[in-house]
Amino acid sequence: MKRKISTLIISILLVTFVLAGCSKDDTKNEQKPTTDNKVTEKQDDKTTDKKKEITIGFVPMTLNNEYFITMVNGAKQKAEELGIKLDVQAADQHASAAAQLTIVENMITSGVDGICIVPSSSEGLSTALTKCKEAGIPVINLDTKIDQSILDEAGLKVPFYGTDNYAGAKFAGAYVIENFDKGTETAILTGIEGQQNAADRRNGFFDAAGSHVNVVAEQSANWEVDQGYTATQNILSANPNIGMIFASNDGMAIGALRAVEEAGKKEDIKIIGFDAISEALNLVEKGHMYGTVAQYPAEMGILGVENMVKIINGEDTQEYIDTGAKLITKENVEEHKKYCEQFAD
């Protein structure tokens, strides 16, 4: 009897031991999925991080102008520094409002996080700005100011970073007063009609020098070299005694210079441009152009990218930044050329 009881006790102990062992194995097996879940969570975090990469759409007026190439180069340098992606697209010509509108709409569709733009036309952007607002995509306005009425219509508050074009053109006008005889016959080549910076440059020069020189001709050449050339040909034909030309950008100034040279009046007519692109700086250095008003487009690109990242990250930014202007003549052209070299291709 005692032997049977002993045998029964041993059997019960063996069963209990085996069941305990199975229970431990099951616990281990249950823990494995928990470890796998942690790995999955880490992978998901990585995927989320990738999705959080910031992409900024950058839309200059055109890339067929060194001024805007310099702006883009400044923006690219800042984008690389901040580790964000820059999607640069531009129309073929300065006045391609329809093409620029399509670019902005495509960027909205592609899901960029923000857009920095130099508008070719305020009016043409009204629809795109409304779509940006609906999509929650912030916008920063560079170089050429969007009309406030258009911003009001779209219900958007858009920071502006660029030159005080009126003040820059006044620098040129003040220089003309000091260096040209009173009554000198003068022509003004203006930019795209309706653009604020075109009006500001014309008005700044005229308000500063208009009472000193005799402005006998004004004509729009839409910021283009070839149109500056044609416009100057027409002006010279009607006004053979012109002594100076103020061109509202360097492209038009370079076109004007070609027309002046072909007319054999290079020694008689002085040309002042605006933007300080490298070709104009070279012409100033050689004495072929009298001067040019320097802007700082690279700074606009840098500030645009830097502040757009702040906006995307919910940080405060400045609503307006004057990036400065300076008259460049033969006396200070070498110094400015050295500054520009850091943003050249």
C-alpha atoms as a PDB file:
ATOM      1  CA  MET A   1       0.000   0.000   0.000  1.00  0.00           C
ATOM      2  CA  LYS A   2       2.780   2.390   0.924  1.00  0.00           C
ATOM      3  CA  ARG A   3       4.575   1.486  -2.324  1.00  0.00           C
ATOM      4  CA  LYS A   4       1.427   2.372  -4.358  1.00  0.00           C
ATOM      5  CA  ILE A   5       1.098   5.724  -2.610  1.00  0.00           C
ATOM      6  CA  SER A   6       4.784   6.517  -3.212  1.00  0.00           C
ATOM      7  CA  THR A   7       4.409   5.637  -6.877  1.00  0.00           C
ATOM      8  CA  LEU A   8       1.326   7.863  -7.166  1.00  0.00           C
ATOM      9  CA  ILE A   9       3.113  10.809  -5.537  1.00  0.00           C
ATOM     10  CA  ILE A  10       6.083  10.452  -7.887  1.00  0.00           C
ATOM     11  CA  SER A  11       3.754  10.346 -10.892  1.00  0.00           C
ATOM     12  CA  ILE A  12       1.972  13.518  -9.748  1.00  0.00           C
ATOM     13  CA  LEU A  13       5.312  15.312  -9.265  1.00  0.00           C
ATOM     14  CA  LEU A  14       6.486  14.282 -12.743  1.00  0.00           C
ATOM     15  CA  VAL A  15       3.289  15.578 -14.350  1.00  0.00           C
ATOM     16  CA  THR A  16       3.574  18.848 -12.426  1.00  0.00           C
ATOM     17  CA  PHE A  17       7.211  19.281 -13.545  1.00  0.00           C
ATOM     18  CA  VAL A  18       6.363  18.633 -17.187  1.00  0.00           C
ATOM     19  CA  LEU A  19       3.430  21.067 -17.089  1.00  0.00           C
ATOM     20  CA  ALA A  20       5.617  23.730 -15.505  1.00  0.00           C
ATOM     21  CA  GLY A  21       8.187  23.254 -18.249  1.00  0.00           C
ATOM     22  CA  CYS A  22       5.522  23.610 -20.924  1.00  0.00           C
ATOM     23  CA  SER A  23       4.240  26.758 -19.263  1.00  0.00           C
ATOM     24  CA  LYS A  24       7.718  28.348 -19.417  1.00  0.00           C
ATOM     25  CA  ASP A  25       8.104  27.424 -23.082  1.00  0.00           C
ATOM     26  CA  ASP A  26       4.703  28.948 -23.851  1.00  0.00           C
ATOM     27  CA  THR A  27       5.700  32.148 -22.072  1.00  0.00           C
ATOM     28  CA  LYS A  28       8.861  32.351 -24.185  1.00  0.00           C
ATOM     29  CA  ASN A  29       6.840  31.783 -27.305  1.00  0.00           C
ATOM     30  CA  GLU A  30       4.460  34.596 -26.336  1.00  0.00           C
ATOM     31  CA  GLN A  31       7.350  37.007 -25.779  1.00  0.00           C
ATOM     32  CA  LYS A  32       8.774  36.544 -29.276  1.00  0.00           C
ATOM     33  CA  PRO A  33       5.974  38.438 -31.041  1.00  0.00           C
ATOM     34  CA  THR A  34       6.429  41.273 -28.526  1.00  0.00           C
ATOM     35  CA  THR A  35      10.083  41.604 -29.597  1.00  0.00           C
ATOM     36  CA  ASP A  36       9.039  41.504 -33.249  1.00  0.00           C
ATOM     37  CA  ASN A  37       6.507  44.267 -32.602  1.00  0.00           C
ATOM     38  CA  LYS A  38       9.254  46.485 -31.201  1.00  0.00           C
ATOM     39  CA  VAL A  39      11.281  46.011 -34.390  1.00  0.00           C
ATOM     40  CA  THR A  40       8.235  46.838 -36.465  1.00  0.00           C
ATOM     41  CA  GLU A  41       7.652  49.997 -34.447  1.00  0.00           C
ATOM     42  CA  LYS A  42      11.238  51.086 -35.064  1.00  0.00           C
ATOM     43  CA  GLN A  43      10.822  50.451 -38.786  1.00  0.00           C
ATOM     44  CA  ASP A  44       7.612  52.470 -38.779  1.00  0.00           C
ATOM     45  CA  ASP A  45       9.451  55.299 -37.048  1.00  0.00           C
ATOM     46  CA  LYS A  46      12.058  55.273 -39.811  1.00  0.00           C
ATOM     47  CA  THR A  47       9.331  55.341 -42.423  1.00  0.00           C
ATOM     48  CA  THR A  48       7.716  58.291 -40.651  1.00  0.00           C
ATOM     49  CA  ASP A  49      11.062  60.107 -40.544  1.00  0.00           C
ATOM     50  CA  LYS A  50      11.406  59.679 -44.290  1.00  0.00           C
ATOM     51  CA  LYS A  51       7.938  61.084 -44.821  1.00  0.00           C
ATOM     52  CA  LYS A  52       8.897  64.105 -42.731  1.00  0.00           C
ATOM     53  CA  GLU A  53      11.630  65.192 -45.161  1.00  0.00           C
ATOM     54  CA  ILE A  54      10.888  68.811 -46.060  1.00  0.00           C
ATOM     55  CA  THR A  55      10.491  69.698 -49.736  1.00  0.00           C
ATOM     56  CA  ILE A  56      10.339  73.345 -50.741  1.00  0.00           C
ATOM     57  CA  GLY A  57       9.202  74.406 -54.190  1.00  0.00           C
ATOM     58  CA  PHE A  58      11.387  77.258 -55.477  1.00  0.00           C
ATOM     59  CA  VAL A  59      10.012  79.233 -58.425  1.00  0.00           C
ATOM     60  CA  PRO A  60      12.156  82.082 -59.799  1.00  0.00           C
ATOM     61  CA  MET A  61      10.789  84.181 -62.648  1.00  0.00           C
ATOM     62  CA  THR A  62      13.085  82.427 -65.142  1.00  0.00           C
ATOM     63  CA  LEU A  63      16.434  80.625 -65.242  1.00  0.00           C
ATOM     64  CA  ASN A  64      17.469  82.442 -68.432  1.00  0.00           C
ATOM     65  CA  ASN A  65      18.827  85.300 -66.344  1.00  0.00           C
ATOM     66  CA  GLU A  66      21.975  85.105 -64.239  1.00  0.00           C
ATOM     67  CA  TYR A  67      20.290  87.153 -61.517  1.00  0.00           C
ATOM     68  CA  PHE A  68      17.827  84.350 -60.793  1.00  0.00           C
ATOM     69  CA  ILE A  69      20.497  81.671 -61.154  1.00  0.00           C
ATOM     70  CA  THR A  70      22.420  83.442 -58.375  1.00  0.00           C
ATOM     71  CA  MET A  71      19.245  83.486 -56.270  1.00  0.00           C
ATOM     72  CA  VAL A  72      18.758  79.750 -56.803  1.00  0.00           C
ATOM     73  CA  ASN A  73      22.405  79.030 -55.948  1.00  0.00           C
ATOM     74  CA  GLY A  74      22.002  80.839 -52.633  1.00  0.00           C
ATOM     75  CA  ALA A  75      18.827  78.857 -51.955  1.00  0.00           C
ATOM     76  CA  LYS A  76      20.549  75.565 -52.819  1.00  0.00           C
ATOM     77  CA  GLN A  77      23.429  76.291 -50.452  1.00  0.00           C
ATOM     78  CA  LYS A  78      21.015  76.956 -47.594  1.00  0.00           C
ATOM     79  CA  ALA A  79      18.884  73.898 -48.458  1.00  0.00           C
ATOM     80  CA  GLU A  80      21.959  71.660 -48.367  1.00  0.00           C
ATOM     81  CA  GLU A  81      23.001  73.166 -45.040  1.00  0.00           C
ATOM     82  CA  LEU A  82      19.552  72.491 -43.547  1.00  0.00           C
ATOM     83  CA  GLY A  83      19.225  69.018 -45.084  1.00  0.00           C
ATOM     84  CA  ILE A  84      16.031  69.719 -47.004  1.00  0.00           C
ATOM     85  CA  LYS A  85      14.995  69.096 -50.612  1.00  0.00           C
ATOM     86  CA  LEU A  86      14.649  72.004 -53.052  1.00  0.00           C
ATOM     87  CA  ASP A  87      12.457  71.582 -56.147  1.00  0.00           C
ATOM     88  CA  VAL A  88      13.474  74.369 -58.570  1.00  0.00           C
ATOM     89  CA  GLN A  89      11.292  75.090 -61.609  1.00  0.00           C
ATOM     90  CA  ALA A  90      10.942  78.196 -63.774  1.00  0.00           C
ATOM     91  CA  ALA A  91       9.343  79.469 -66.971  1.00  0.00           C
ATOM     92  CA  ASP A  92      11.397  80.236 -70.085  1.00  0.00           C
ATOM     93  CA  GLN A  93      10.758  83.983 -70.064  1.00  0.00           C
ATOM     94  CA  HIS A  94      10.212  86.686 -67.457  1.00  0.00           C
ATOM     95  CA  ALA A  95       6.653  87.350 -68.594  1.00  0.00           C
ATOM     96  CA  SER A  96       5.473  83.709 -68.766  1.00  0.00           C
ATOM     97  CA  ALA A  97       2.675  84.066 -66.205  1.00  0.00           C
ATOM     98  CA  ALA A  98       0.656  81.116 -67.543  1.00  0.00           C
ATOM     99  CA  ALA A  99       3.670  78.781 -67.411  1.00  0.00           C
ATOM    100  CA  GLN A 100       4.470  79.881 -63.869  1.00  0.00           C
ATOM    101  CA  LEU A 101       0.883  79.263 -62.800  1.00  0.00           C
ATOM    102  CA  THR A 102       1.105  75.693 -64.136  1.00  0.00           C
ATOM    103  CA  ILE A 103       4.372  75.129 -62.242  1.00  0.00           C
ATOM    104  CA  VAL A 104       2.832  76.263 -58.958  1.00  0.00           C
ATOM    105  CA  GLU A 105      -0.283  74.131 -59.456  1.00  0.00           C
ATOM    106  CA  ASN A 106       1.886  71.066 -60.208  1.00  0.00           C
ATOM    107  CA  MET A 107       3.919  71.692 -57.065  1.00  0.00           C
ATOM    108  CA  ILE A 108       0.730  71.826 -55.019  1.00  0.00           C
ATOM    109  CA  THR A 109      -0.364  68.508 -56.534  1.00  0.00           C
ATOM    110  CA  SER A 110       3.033  66.912 -55.825  1.00  0.00           C
ATOM    111  CA  GLY A 111       2.657  67.854 -52.149  1.00  0.00           C
ATOM    112  CA  VAL A 112       5.517  70.261 -51.489  1.00  0.00           C
ATOM    113  CA  ASP A 113       5.661  71.596 -47.932  1.00  0.00           C
ATOM    114  CA  GLY A 114       6.090  75.239 -48.954  1.00  0.00           C
ATOM    115  CA  ILE A 115       6.692  77.459 -51.991  1.00  0.00           C
ATOM    116  CA  CYS A 116       9.113  80.369 -52.466  1.00  0.00           C
ATOM    117  CA  ILE A 117       8.213  82.393 -55.551  1.00  0.00           C
ATOM    118  CA  VAL A 118       9.277  85.373 -57.641  1.00  0.00           C
ATOM    119  CA  PRO A 119       5.986  86.154 -59.420  1.00  0.00           C
ATOM    120  CA  SER A 120       5.979  87.090 -63.091  1.00  0.00           C
ATOM    121  CA  SER A 121       2.445  88.422 -62.616  1.00  0.00           C
ATOM    122  CA  SER A 122       0.487  89.038 -59.440  1.00  0.00           C
ATOM    123  CA  GLU A 123      -2.850  88.659 -61.186  1.00  0.00           C
ATOM    124  CA  GLY A 124      -2.011  85.294 -62.722  1.00  0.00           C
ATOM    125  CA  LEU A 125      -1.184  83.846 -59.308  1.00  0.00           C
ATOM    126  CA  SER A 126      -4.515  84.561 -57.665  1.00  0.00           C
ATOM    127  CA  THR A 127      -5.903  81.081 -58.369  1.00  0.00           C
ATOM    128  CA  ALA A 128      -2.671  79.346 -57.357  1.00  0.00           C
ATOM    129  CA  LEU A 129      -2.449  81.274 -54.093  1.00  0.00           C
ATOM    130  CA  THR A 130      -6.013  80.285 -53.220  1.00  0.00           C
ATOM    131  CA  LYS A 131      -5.112  76.635 -53.905  1.00  0.00           C
ATOM    132  CA  CYS A 132      -2.023  76.977 -51.690  1.00  0.00           C
ATOM    133  CA  LYS A 133      -4.215  78.210 -48.871  1.00  0.00           C
ATOM    134  CA  GLU A 134      -6.707  75.359 -49.358  1.00  0.00           C
ATOM    135  CA  ALA A 135      -3.865  72.823 -49.343  1.00  0.00           C
ATOM    136  CA  GLY A 136      -2.229  74.376 -46.262  1.00  0.00           C
ATOM    137  CA  ILE A 137       0.964  75.175 -48.195  1.00  0.00           C
ATOM    138  CA  PRO A 138       2.737  78.348 -46.963  1.00  0.00           C
ATOM    139  CA  VAL A 139       4.170  80.832 -49.483  1.00  0.00           C
ATOM    140  CA  ILE A 140       7.105  83.245 -49.285  1.00  0.00           C
ATOM    141  CA  ASN A 141       7.311  86.047 -51.853  1.00  0.00           C
ATOM    142  CA  LEU A 142      10.820  86.954 -53.080  1.00  0.00           C
ATOM    143  CA  ASP A 143      12.198  89.857 -55.135  1.00  0.00           C
ATOM    144  CA  THR A 144       9.018  91.047 -56.910  1.00  0.00           C
ATOM    145  CA  LYS A 145       6.172  91.910 -54.552  1.00  0.00           C
ATOM    146  CA  ILE A 146       2.753  90.378 -55.078  1.00  0.00           C
ATOM    147  CA  ASP A 147       0.016  93.028 -55.123  1.00  0.00           C
ATOM    148  CA  GLN A 148      -1.637  93.316 -51.726  1.00  0.00           C
ATOM    149  CA  SER A 149      -5.074  93.224 -53.345  1.00  0.00           C
ATOM    150  CA  ILE A 150      -4.297  89.749 -54.733  1.00  0.00           C
ATOM    151  CA  LEU A 151      -3.164  88.530 -51.308  1.00  0.00           C
ATOM    152  CA  ASP A 152      -6.312  89.932 -49.754  1.00  0.00           C
ATOM    153  CA  GLU A 153      -8.424  88.188 -52.372  1.00  0.00           C
ATOM    154  CA  ALA A 154      -6.718  84.866 -51.626  1.00  0.00           C
ATOM    155  CA  GLY A 155      -6.909  85.496 -47.874  1.00  0.00           C
ATOM    156  CA  LEU A 156      -3.180  84.851 -47.473  1.00  0.00           C
ATOM    157  CA  LYS A 157      -0.522  86.507 -45.349  1.00  0.00           C
ATOM    158  CA  VAL A 158       2.728  86.156 -47.297  1.00  0.00           C
ATOM    159  CA  PRO A 159       6.172  87.332 -46.092  1.00  0.00           C
ATOM    160  CA  PHE A 160       8.217  89.378 -48.581  1.00  0.00           C
ATOM    161  CA  TYR A 161      12.018  89.359 -48.762  1.00  0.00           C
ATOM    162  CA  GLY A 162      13.652  91.539 -51.392  1.00  0.00           C
ATOM    163  CA  THR A 163      15.189  94.812 -52.460  1.00  0.00           C
ATOM    164  CA  ASP A 164      13.689  98.212 -51.825  1.00  0.00           C
ATOM    165  CA  ASN A 165      13.736  98.872 -55.572  1.00  0.00           C
ATOM    166  CA  TYR A 166      12.642 102.476 -55.195  1.00  0.00           C
ATOM    167  CA  ALA A 167      15.570 103.254 -52.871  1.00  0.00           C
ATOM    168  CA  GLY A 168      18.017 101.393 -55.129  1.00  0.00           C
ATOM    169  CA  ALA A 169      16.949 103.359 -58.199  1.00  0.00           C
ATOM    170  CA  LYS A 170      17.270 106.608 -56.226  1.00  0.00           C
ATOM    171  CA  PHE A 171      20.945 105.742 -55.685  1.00  0.00           C
ATOM    172  CA  ALA A 172      21.360 105.758 -59.475  1.00  0.00           C
ATOM    173  CA  GLY A 173      19.431 109.022 -59.797  1.00  0.00           C
ATOM    174  CA  ALA A 174      21.527 110.738 -57.142  1.00  0.00           C
ATOM    175  CA  TYR A 175      24.712 109.626 -58.932  1.00  0.00           C
ATOM    176  CA  VAL A 176      23.408 111.057 -62.215  1.00  0.00           C
ATOM    177  CA  ILE A 177      22.784 114.435 -60.584  1.00  0.00           C
ATOM    178  CA  GLU A 178      26.391 114.534 -59.401  1.00  0.00           C
ATOM    179  CA  ASN A 179      27.972 113.362 -62.652  1.00  0.00           C
ATOM    180  CA  PHE A 180      25.802 114.583 -65.564  1.00  0.00           C
ATOM    181  CA  ASP A 181      25.089 118.060 -66.851  1.00  0.00           C
ATOM    182  CA  LYS A 182      21.688 119.501 -66.086  1.00  0.00           C
ATOM    183  CA  GLY A 183      19.274 118.940 -68.954  1.00  0.00           C
ATOM    184  CA  THR A 184      21.031 115.827 -70.320  1.00  0.00           C
ATOM    185  CA  GLU A 185      18.565 114.050 -72.618  1.00  0.00           C
ATOM    186  CA  THR A 186      17.745 110.740 -70.980  1.00  0.00           C
ATOM    187  CA  ALA A 187      15.804 107.577 -71.835  1.00  0.00           C
ATOM    188  CA  ILE A 188      14.342 105.071 -69.360  1.00  0.00           C
ATOM    189  CA  LEU A 189      13.832 101.388 -70.191  1.00  0.00           C
ATOM    190  CA  THR A 190      11.188  99.918 -67.890  1.00  0.00           C
ATOM    191  CA  GLY A 191      10.274  96.349 -66.924  1.00  0.00           C
ATOM    192  CA  ILE A 192       7.018  94.451 -67.212  1.00  0.00           C
ATOM    193  CA  GLU A 193       4.071  96.811 -66.899  1.00  0.00           C
ATOM    194  CA  GLY A 194       2.052  96.201 -63.755  1.00  0.00           C
ATOM    195  CA  GLN A 195       4.939  94.744 -61.742  1.00  0.00           C
ATOM    196  CA  GLN A 196       5.665  96.647 -58.553  1.00  0.00           C
ATOM    197  CA  ASN A 197       9.441  96.477 -58.876  1.00  0.00           C
ATOM    198  CA  ALA A 198       9.241  97.806 -62.456  1.00  0.00           C
ATOM    199  CA  ALA A 199       7.258 100.808 -61.240  1.00  0.00           C
ATOM    200  CA  ASP A 200       9.518 101.309 -58.201  1.00  0.00           C
ATOM    201  CA  ARG A 201      12.714 101.356 -60.263  1.00  0.00           C
ATOM    202  CA  ARG A 202      11.339 103.803 -62.801  1.00  0.00           C
ATOM    203  CA  ASN A 203       9.867 106.060 -60.122  1.00  0.00           C
ATOM    204  CA  GLY A 204      12.924 105.925 -57.879  1.00  0.00           C
ATOM    205  CA  PHE A 205      15.206 107.058 -60.682  1.00  0.00           C
ATOM    206  CA  PHE A 206      12.772 109.668 -61.991  1.00  0.00           C
ATOM    207  CA  ASP A 207      12.004 111.123 -58.557  1.00  0.00           C
ATOM    208  CA  ALA A 208      15.718 111.490 -57.821  1.00  0.00           C
ATOM    209  CA  ALA A 209      16.997 112.728 -61.196  1.00  0.00           C
ATOM    210  CA  GLY A 210      13.926 113.812 -63.160  1.00  0.00           C
ATOM    211  CA  SER A 211      14.310 117.467 -62.259  1.00  0.00           C
ATOM    212  CA  HIS A 212      17.990 117.434 -63.262  1.00  0.00           C
ATOM    213  CA  VAL A 213      17.936 115.510 -66.545  1.00  0.00           C
ATOM    214  CA  ASN A 214      15.488 115.792 -69.435  1.00  0.00           C
ATOM    215  CA  VAL A 215      13.636 112.473 -69.788  1.00  0.00           C
ATOM    216  CA  VAL A 216      12.670 112.395 -73.476  1.00  0.00           C
ATOM    217  CA  ALA A 217      11.679 108.719 -73.828  1.00  0.00           C
ATOM    218  CA  GLU A 218      10.363 105.830 -71.760  1.00  0.00           C
ATOM    219  CA  GLN A 219       9.689 102.352 -73.104  1.00  0.00           C
ATOM    220  CA  SER A 220       9.039  98.918 -71.640  1.00  0.00           C
ATOM    221  CA  ALA A 221      11.411  96.144 -72.707  1.00  0.00           C
ATOM    222  CA  ASN A 222      10.001  93.490 -70.341  1.00  0.00           C
ATOM    223  CA  TRP A 223      13.384  92.767 -68.690  1.00  0.00           C
ATOM    224  CA  GLU A 224      14.638  91.073 -71.894  1.00  0.00           C
ATOM    225  CA  VAL A 225      17.990  91.682 -73.664  1.00  0.00           C
ATOM    226  CA  ASP A 226      16.581  91.526 -77.188  1.00  0.00           C
ATOM    227  CA  GLN A 227      13.710  93.851 -76.335  1.00  0.00           C
ATOM    228  CA  GLY A 228      16.147  96.287 -74.723  1.00  0.00           C
ATOM    229  CA  TYR A 229      18.092  96.285 -77.976  1.00  0.00           C
ATOM    230  CA  THR A 230      15.017  96.928 -80.142  1.00  0.00           C
ATOM    231  CA  ALA A 231      13.574  99.560 -77.816  1.00  0.00           C
ATOM    232  CA  THR A 232      16.872 101.464 -77.787  1.00  0.00           C
ATOM    233  CA  GLN A 233      17.098 101.384 -81.577  1.00  0.00           C
ATOM    234  CA  ASN A 234      13.676 102.999 -81.753  1.00  0.00           C
ATOM    235  CA  ILE A 235      14.508 105.559 -79.076  1.00  0.00           C
ATOM    236  CA  LEU A 236      17.787 106.580 -80.741  1.00  0.00           C
ATOM    237  CA  SER A 237      16.063 106.955 -84.077  1.00  0.00           C
ATOM    238  CA  ALA A 238      13.573 109.432 -82.601  1.00  0.00           C
ATOM    239  CA  ASN A 239      15.999 111.097 -80.141  1.00  0.00           C
ATOM    240  CA  PRO A 240      19.511 111.392 -81.649  1.00  0.00           C
ATOM    241  CA  ASN A 241      20.818 113.654 -78.870  1.00  0.00           C
ATOM    242  CA  ILE A 242      20.350 111.276 -75.937  1.00  0.00           C
ATOM    243  CA  GLY A 243      23.243 111.372 -73.473  1.00  0.00           C
ATOM    244  CA  MET A 244      22.258 108.668 -70.988  1.00  0.00           C
ATOM    245  CA  ILE A 245      20.018 105.629 -70.579  1.00  0.00           C
ATOM    246  CA  PHE A 246      18.718 104.216 -67.312  1.00  0.00           C
ATOM    247  CA  ALA A 247      17.745 100.573 -67.864  1.00  0.00           C
ATOM    248  CA  SER A 248      15.683  99.002 -65.085  1.00  0.00           C
ATOM    249  CA  ASN A 249      17.647  95.751 -65.313  1.00  0.00           C
ATOM    250  CA  ASP A 250      21.035  94.681 -66.686  1.00  0.00           C
ATOM    251  CA  GLY A 251      19.551  92.525 -69.435  1.00  0.00           C
ATOM    252  CA  MET A 252      17.882  95.541 -71.009  1.00  0.00           C
ATOM    253  CA  ALA A 253      21.037  97.593 -70.380  1.00  0.00           C
ATOM    254  CA  ILE A 254      23.152  95.049 -72.274  1.00  0.00           C
ATOM    255  CA  GLY A 255      20.675  95.119 -75.165  1.00  0.00           C
ATOM    256  CA  ALA A 256      20.770  98.928 -75.093  1.00  0.00           C
ATOM    257  CA  LEU A 257      24.574  98.911 -75.179  1.00  0.00           C
ATOM    258  CA  ARG A 258      24.547  96.794 -78.329  1.00  0.00           C
ATOM    259  CA  ALA A 259      22.176  99.245 -80.036  1.00  0.00           C
ATOM    260  CA  VAL A 260      24.301 102.215 -78.916  1.00  0.00           C
ATOM    261  CA  GLU A 261      27.499 100.585 -80.226  1.00  0.00           C
ATOM    262  CA  GLU A 262      25.881  99.810 -83.569  1.00  0.00           C
ATOM    263  CA  ALA A 263      24.768 103.433 -83.818  1.00  0.00           C
ATOM    264  CA  GLY A 264      28.372 104.544 -83.232  1.00  0.00           C
ATOM    265  CA  LYS A 265      27.432 106.471 -80.087  1.00  0.00           C
ATOM    266  CA  LYS A 266      29.271 104.488 -77.436  1.00  0.00           C
ATOM    267  CA  GLU A 267      31.317 107.528 -76.360  1.00  0.00           C
ATOM    268  CA  ASP A 268      28.296 109.822 -76.241  1.00  0.00           C
ATOM    269  CA  ILE A 269      25.755 107.764 -74.292  1.00  0.00           C
ATOM    270  CA  LYS A 270      26.263 106.485 -70.743  1.00  0.00           C
ATOM    271  CA  ILE A 271      24.218 103.480 -69.571  1.00  0.00           C
ATOM    272  CA  ILE A 272      23.270 102.559 -66.008  1.00  0.00           C
ATOM    273  CA  GLY A 273      21.650  99.190 -65.326  1.00  0.00           C
ATOM    274  CA  PHE A 274      20.158  97.415 -62.351  1.00  0.00           C
ATOM    275  CA  ASP A 275      20.914  93.969 -60.794  1.00  0.00           C
ATOM    276  CA  ALA A 276      24.749  93.763 -61.018  1.00  0.00           C
ATOM    277  CA  ILE A 277      24.926  90.465 -62.915  1.00  0.00           C
ATOM    278  CA  SER A 278      28.452  89.344 -63.821  1.00  0.00           C
ATOM    279  CA  GLU A 279      28.332  90.492 -67.465  1.00  0.00           C
ATOM    280  CA  ALA A 280      27.232  93.947 -66.385  1.00  0.00           C
ATOM    281  CA  LEU A 281      29.962  94.067 -63.741  1.00  0.00           C
ATOM    282  CA  ASN A 282      32.540  93.195 -66.401  1.00  0.00           C
ATOM    283  CA  LEU A 283      31.182  95.948 -68.647  1.00  0.00           C
ATOM    284  CA  VAL A 284      31.333  98.454 -65.778  1.00  0.00           C
ATOM    285  CA  GLU A 285      34.909  97.388 -65.036  1.00  0.00           C
ATOM    286  CA  LYS A 286      35.874  97.949 -68.684  1.00  0.00           C
ATOM    287  CA  GLY A 287      34.094 101.290 -68.819  1.00  0.00           C
ATOM    288  CA  HIS A 288      31.457 100.176 -71.354  1.00  0.00           C
ATOM    289  CA  MET A 289      28.626 100.630 -68.835  1.00  0.00           C
ATOM    290  CA  TYR A 290      28.599 103.577 -66.482  1.00  0.00           C
ATOM    291  CA  GLY A 291      27.184 101.679 -63.509  1.00  0.00           C
ATOM    292  CA  THR A 292      24.626  99.221 -62.186  1.00  0.00           C
ATOM    293  CA  VAL A 293      22.579  99.002 -59.016  1.00  0.00           C
ATOM    294  CA  ALA A 294      23.507  95.848 -57.102  1.00  0.00           C
ATOM    295  CA  GLN A 295      20.850  93.718 -55.510  1.00  0.00           C
ATOM    296  CA  TYR A 296      21.580  90.675 -53.387  1.00  0.00           C
ATOM    297  CA  PRO A 297      19.552  87.848 -54.967  1.00  0.00           C
ATOM    298  CA  ALA A 298      21.541  85.127 -53.204  1.00  0.00           C
ATOM    299  CA  GLU A 299      20.448  86.600 -49.870  1.00  0.00           C
ATOM    300  CA  MET A 300      16.835  86.429 -51.031  1.00  0.00           C
ATOM    301  CA  GLY A 301      17.237  82.732 -51.833  1.00  0.00           C
ATOM    302  CA  ILE A 302      18.956  82.034 -48.517  1.00  0.00           C
ATOM    303  CA  LEU A 303      16.361  83.907 -46.474  1.00  0.00           C
ATOM    304  CA  GLY A 304      13.506  82.317 -48.398  1.00  0.00           C
ATOM    305  CA  VAL A 305      14.613  78.762 -47.663  1.00  0.00           C
ATOM    306  CA  GLU A 306      15.688  79.493 -44.089  1.00  0.00           C
ATOM    307  CA  ASN A 307      12.405  81.150 -43.146  1.00  0.00           C
ATOM    308  CA  MET A 308      10.216  78.664 -45.009  1.00  0.00           C
ATOM    309  CA  VAL A 309      11.699  75.868 -42.884  1.00  0.00           C
ATOM    310  CA  LYS A 310      10.865  77.923 -39.795  1.00  0.00           C
ATOM    311  CA  ILE A 311       7.268  78.371 -40.960  1.00  0.00           C
ATOM    312  CA  ILE A 312       6.904  74.636 -41.661  1.00  0.00           C
ATOM    313  CA  ASN A 313       8.275  73.887 -38.191  1.00  0.00           C
ATOM    314  CA  GLY A 314       5.830  76.317 -36.570  1.00  0.00           C
ATOM    315  CA  GLU A 315       8.447  78.947 -35.681  1.00  0.00           C
ATOM    316  CA  ASP A 316       8.072  82.730 -35.938  1.00  0.00           C
ATOM    317  CA  THR A 317       9.434  84.533 -39.007  1.00  0.00           C
ATOM    318  CA  GLN A 318       9.809  88.124 -40.168  1.00  0.00           C
ATOM    319  CA  GLU A 319       7.089  89.450 -42.466  1.00  0.00           C
ATOM    320  CA  TYR A 320       9.446  91.786 -44.373  1.00  0.00           C
ATOM    321  CA  ILE A 321      13.191  91.853 -44.917  1.00  0.00           C
ATOM    322  CA  ASP A 322      14.957  94.481 -47.054  1.00  0.00           C
ATOM    323  CA  THR A 323      17.904  92.620 -48.593  1.00  0.00           C
ATOM    324  CA  GLY A 324      19.674  95.848 -49.566  1.00  0.00           C
ATOM    325  CA  ALA A 325      20.959  97.640 -52.675  1.00  0.00           C
ATOM    326  CA  LYS A 326      24.154  99.429 -53.680  1.00  0.00           C
ATOM    327  CA  LEU A 327      25.309 101.446 -56.695  1.00  0.00           C
ATOM    328  CA  ILE A 328      28.277  99.797 -58.405  1.00  0.00           C
ATOM    329  CA  THR A 329      30.690 101.907 -60.456  1.00  0.00           C
ATOM    330  CA  LYS A 330      34.230 101.411 -61.672  1.00  0.00           C
ATOM    331  CA  GLU A 331      35.480 102.446 -58.231  1.00  0.00           C
ATOM    332  CA  ASN A 332      33.892  99.543 -56.266  1.00  0.00           C
ATOM    333  CA  VAL A 333      33.164  96.917 -58.922  1.00  0.00           C
ATOM    334  CA  GLU A 334      36.108  94.652 -58.017  1.00  0.00           C
ATOM    335  CA  GLU A 335      34.929  94.334 -54.412  1.00  0.00           C
ATOM    336  CA  HIS A 336      31.410  93.383 -55.500  1.00  0.00           C
ATOM    337  CA  LYS A 337      32.684  90.828 -58.002  1.00  0.00           C
ATOM    338  CA  LYS A 338      34.506  89.032 -55.192  1.00  0.00           C
ATOM    339  CA  TYR A 339      31.301  88.881 -53.159  1.00  0.00           C
ATOM    340  CA  CYS A 340      29.402  87.388 -56.112  1.00  0.00           C
ATOM    341  CA  GLU A 341      31.964  84.643 -56.746  1.00  0.00           C
ATOM    342  CA  GLN A 342      30.711  82.539 -53.828  1.00  0.00           C
ATOM    343  CA  PHE A 343      27.324  82.105 -55.515  1.00  0.00           C
ATOM    344  CA  ALA A 344      28.529  81.481 -59.080  1.00  0.00           C
ATOM    345  CA  ASP A 345      28.013  78.144 -60.812  1.00  0.00           C
END
